[in-house]
Amino acid sequence: MPAAGPIEVVLLAAGRSQRMRGANKLLLDIAGEPLLRRSARLWLDAGHDLVVVTAADDSAPRQALAGLPLRFVANPRAAEGQATSVRAGLAAARLDRRALAIALADQPLLTAPDLAMLLAAFDAAGGDRAVVPRHQGQRGNPVLLPRAVARALQADPALGPPRLHLDRHPALVHWLDVDHPRYTSDLDTPEDAARLLGATT
């Protein structure tokens, strides 16, 4: 089922790669380009609007994404955890599309068809529920939020991060159960890098 136009995407790229033992995971090479750039292009090549959240004191992501048609937002509280980056991305989002995706920048197995499947599931479910991918009971990413939900979260930070809000309101969730781990595989350690980047070559 074809998607009805582009969506807006918040790509989280403010992590410190603390478990990578000195390497910046988002700058690891994947098929000749940094993982972060590959992750951004996956959305951009499909025509979607992209906002990238970076740490305020980290210029490397901006350099890795130089020349791409996207917007940046700096998170001065990045060291406090991913939830602060989600909040920064929500605050900066224009929310003028039918959906907002919250996406991770460290999922090298994701493909264009995977993104298209999320959008098709969103539209097939009526466009008024969040789509959360799931594999063998494990929830994954990206997560698609309907515009109304994203606007409510943007307007009222007291509602909490999207995951907490959706857990409190399960009727808002459409689960997309899949038979592969691409939505649930992210890269945190050197061992992950060896396994996941090897799987993409």
Protein backbone atom coordinates (compact mmCIF):
# COMPACT_ATOMS: atom_id res chain seq x y z
CA MET A 1 0.00 0.00 0.00
CA PRO A 2 1.72 3.24 -1.03
CA ALA A 3 2.32 5.93 1.56
CA ALA A 4 0.29 9.11 1.10
CA GLY A 5 3.10 11.63 0.97
CA PRO A 6 6.11 12.35 3.15
CA ILE A 7 6.26 12.40 6.92
CA GLU A 8 8.49 14.24 9.37
CA VAL A 9 11.29 12.34 11.09
CA VAL A 10 13.26 13.06 14.26
CA LEU A 11 16.56 11.18 14.02
CA LEU A 12 18.33 10.78 17.37
CA ALA A 13 22.08 11.25 17.02
CA ALA A 14 23.13 12.75 20.36
CA GLY A 15 24.40 9.60 22.06
CA ARG A 16 27.86 9.40 23.61
CA SER A 17 28.72 5.87 22.39
CA GLN A 18 29.83 5.09 25.93
CA ARG A 19 29.84 1.32 25.38
CA MET A 20 31.95 1.50 22.21
CA ARG A 21 35.26 1.76 24.08
CA GLY A 22 36.40 4.98 22.43
CA ALA A 23 34.79 4.75 18.98
CA ASN A 24 31.92 6.94 17.82
CA LYS A 25 29.44 4.37 16.58
CA LEU A 26 27.66 6.85 14.31
CA LEU A 27 30.86 7.47 12.37
CA LEU A 28 31.58 3.80 11.69
CA ASP A 29 31.87 3.03 8.00
CA ILE A 30 29.00 1.22 6.35
CA ALA A 31 29.24 0.66 2.61
CA GLY A 32 31.60 3.60 2.22
CA GLU A 33 29.85 6.22 4.35
CA PRO A 34 29.32 6.93 8.06
CA LEU A 35 26.47 5.01 9.66
CA LEU A 36 24.80 8.30 10.61
CA ARG A 37 24.81 9.53 7.03
CA ARG A 38 23.45 6.23 5.80
CA SER A 39 20.65 6.41 8.39
CA ALA A 40 19.75 9.96 7.37
CA ARG A 41 19.79 9.17 3.65
CA LEU A 42 17.45 6.24 4.17
CA TRP A 43 14.74 8.72 5.11
CA LEU A 44 15.77 11.53 2.79
CA ASP A 45 15.94 9.29 -0.27
CA ALA A 46 12.30 8.37 0.38
CA GLY A 47 11.36 12.05 0.37
CA HIS A 48 10.74 12.58 4.08
CA ASP A 49 11.50 15.69 6.15
CA LEU A 50 14.36 15.15 8.59
CA VAL A 51 15.32 16.77 11.90
CA VAL A 52 18.56 15.46 13.44
CA VAL A 53 19.16 15.84 17.16
CA THR A 54 22.81 16.15 18.17
CA ALA A 55 24.64 16.92 21.39
CA ALA A 56 25.29 20.64 21.72
CA ASP A 57 29.04 20.13 22.08
CA ASP A 58 29.51 17.59 19.27
CA SER A 59 30.28 18.82 15.76
CA ALA A 60 31.08 15.39 14.29
CA PRO A 61 27.47 14.51 13.36
CA ARG A 62 27.04 17.79 11.51
CA GLN A 63 30.23 17.17 9.59
CA ALA A 64 29.13 13.64 8.71
CA LEU A 65 25.83 14.99 7.36
CA ALA A 66 27.25 17.98 5.48
CA GLY A 67 25.35 18.81 2.31
CA LEU A 68 22.19 16.86 3.10
CA PRO A 69 18.83 18.69 3.09
CA LEU A 70 17.90 18.41 6.76
CA ARG A 71 17.58 20.47 9.93
CA PHE A 72 19.64 20.17 13.10
CA VAL A 73 18.63 20.75 16.69
CA ALA A 74 21.19 20.77 19.50
CA ASN A 75 20.32 19.09 22.79
CA PRO A 76 22.26 20.70 25.67
CA ARG A 77 21.02 17.95 27.99
CA ALA A 78 22.14 15.02 25.85
CA ALA A 79 24.25 13.57 28.68
CA GLU A 80 21.04 13.05 30.68
CA GLY A 81 19.79 10.40 28.28
CA GLN A 82 17.81 9.69 25.15
CA ALA A 83 14.53 11.03 26.53
CA THR A 84 15.97 14.55 26.50
CA SER A 85 16.83 14.18 22.82
CA VAL A 86 13.32 12.99 22.04
CA ARG A 87 11.99 16.06 23.85
CA ALA A 88 14.36 18.37 21.94
CA GLY A 89 13.32 16.79 18.65
CA LEU A 90 9.64 17.09 19.46
CA ALA A 91 10.07 20.73 20.43
CA ALA A 92 11.76 21.48 17.10
CA ALA A 93 9.37 19.47 14.91
CA ARG A 94 7.02 21.39 12.63
CA LEU A 95 4.33 18.69 12.86
CA ASP A 96 2.88 19.68 9.52
CA ARG A 97 2.84 16.12 8.15
CA ARG A 98 0.41 13.31 8.87
CA ALA A 99 2.92 11.48 11.06
CA LEU A 100 6.11 11.97 13.00
CA ALA A 101 8.71 9.21 13.19
CA ILE A 102 11.06 8.92 16.16
CA ALA A 103 14.07 7.10 14.72
CA LEU A 104 17.44 5.90 15.94
CA ALA A 105 20.60 6.61 13.98
CA ASP A 106 22.29 3.32 14.89
CA GLN A 107 20.14 0.71 13.12
CA PRO A 108 22.28 -0.40 10.18
CA LEU A 109 20.01 -3.28 9.14
CA LEU A 110 17.01 -1.09 8.32
CA THR A 111 16.11 -0.86 4.65
CA ALA A 112 13.87 1.33 2.53
CA PRO A 113 11.22 -1.43 2.36
CA ASP A 114 11.22 -1.56 6.17
CA LEU A 115 10.34 2.13 6.32
CA ALA A 116 7.71 1.68 3.64
CA MET A 117 6.17 -1.17 5.64
CA LEU A 118 5.83 1.05 8.70
CA LEU A 119 4.10 3.74 6.67
CA ALA A 120 1.79 1.24 4.99
CA ALA A 121 0.83 -0.15 8.41
CA PHE A 122 0.16 3.37 9.67
CA ASP A 123 -2.15 4.16 6.77
CA ALA A 124 -3.85 0.76 6.88
CA ALA A 125 -4.60 1.26 10.59
CA GLY A 126 -6.38 4.51 9.79
CA GLY A 127 -3.60 7.01 10.44
CA ASP A 128 -4.75 7.77 13.98
CA ARG A 129 -2.69 5.29 15.97
CA ALA A 130 1.01 5.02 16.65
CA VAL A 131 2.79 2.19 14.84
CA VAL A 132 5.35 0.31 16.92
CA PRO A 133 7.28 -2.54 15.29
CA ARG A 134 7.78 -5.69 17.34
CA HIS A 135 9.80 -8.88 16.89
CA GLN A 136 9.35 -11.89 19.18
CA GLY A 137 7.79 -9.68 21.84
CA GLN A 138 10.53 -7.04 21.72
CA ARG A 139 9.46 -3.57 20.70
CA GLY A 140 11.57 -1.84 18.11
CA ASN A 141 12.17 1.37 16.22
CA PRO A 142 11.35 3.60 14.39
CA VAL A 143 8.01 4.49 15.97
CA LEU A 144 5.42 6.42 13.98
CA LEU A 145 3.23 8.89 15.86
CA PRO A 146 0.03 10.36 14.43
CA ARG A 147 0.18 14.13 14.15
CA ALA A 148 -2.46 14.59 16.88
CA VAL A 149 -0.44 12.52 19.36
CA ALA A 150 2.82 14.28 18.44
CA ARG A 151 1.18 17.68 18.87
CA ALA A 152 -0.17 16.71 22.28
CA LEU A 153 3.27 15.54 23.41
CA GLN A 154 4.89 18.69 22.05
CA ALA A 155 2.38 20.96 23.79
CA ASP A 156 2.51 19.22 27.17
CA PRO A 157 5.87 17.82 28.31
CA ALA A 158 4.12 16.51 31.43
CA LEU A 159 2.65 13.75 29.27
CA GLY A 160 6.13 12.25 29.26
CA PRO A 161 8.16 10.70 26.45
CA PRO A 162 6.26 8.93 23.65
CA ARG A 163 6.96 5.44 24.98
CA LEU A 164 5.56 6.23 28.42
CA HIS A 165 2.53 7.99 26.94
CA LEU A 166 1.78 5.04 24.65
CA ASP A 167 2.19 2.58 27.52
CA ARG A 168 -0.41 4.55 29.44
CA HIS A 169 -2.77 4.59 26.47
CA PRO A 170 -2.48 1.19 24.74
CA ALA A 171 -5.50 1.92 22.54
CA LEU A 172 -3.30 4.42 20.73
CA VAL A 173 -0.91 1.67 19.58
CA HIS A 174 -0.97 -0.48 16.47
CA TRP A 175 1.65 -3.20 16.84
CA LEU A 176 3.47 -4.23 13.68
CA ASP A 177 4.66 -7.78 14.34
CA VAL A 178 7.43 -8.93 12.01
CA ASP A 179 9.49 -12.09 11.56
CA HIS A 180 12.89 -10.39 11.34
CA PRO A 181 15.11 -8.43 13.79
CA ARG A 182 15.83 -5.36 11.66
CA TYR A 183 13.60 -3.06 13.72
CA THR A 184 15.03 -4.34 17.01
CA SER A 185 18.74 -4.37 16.14
CA ASP A 186 20.73 -1.32 17.18
CA LEU A 187 24.45 -0.87 17.62
CA ASP A 188 25.85 -0.23 21.11
CA THR A 189 29.09 -2.22 21.49
CA PRO A 190 32.07 -3.22 19.35
CA GLU A 191 30.59 -6.73 19.27
CA ASP A 192 27.35 -5.30 17.88
CA ALA A 193 29.35 -3.42 15.27
CA ALA A 194 31.18 -6.56 14.14
CA ARG A 195 27.91 -8.51 13.92
CA LEU A 196 25.60 -5.90 12.42
CA LEU A 197 27.98 -4.16 10.03
CA GLY A 198 29.14 -7.55 8.79
CA ALA A 199 25.52 -8.41 8.04
CA THR A 200 25.20 -5.41 5.73
CA THR A 201 28.12 -6.27 3.44
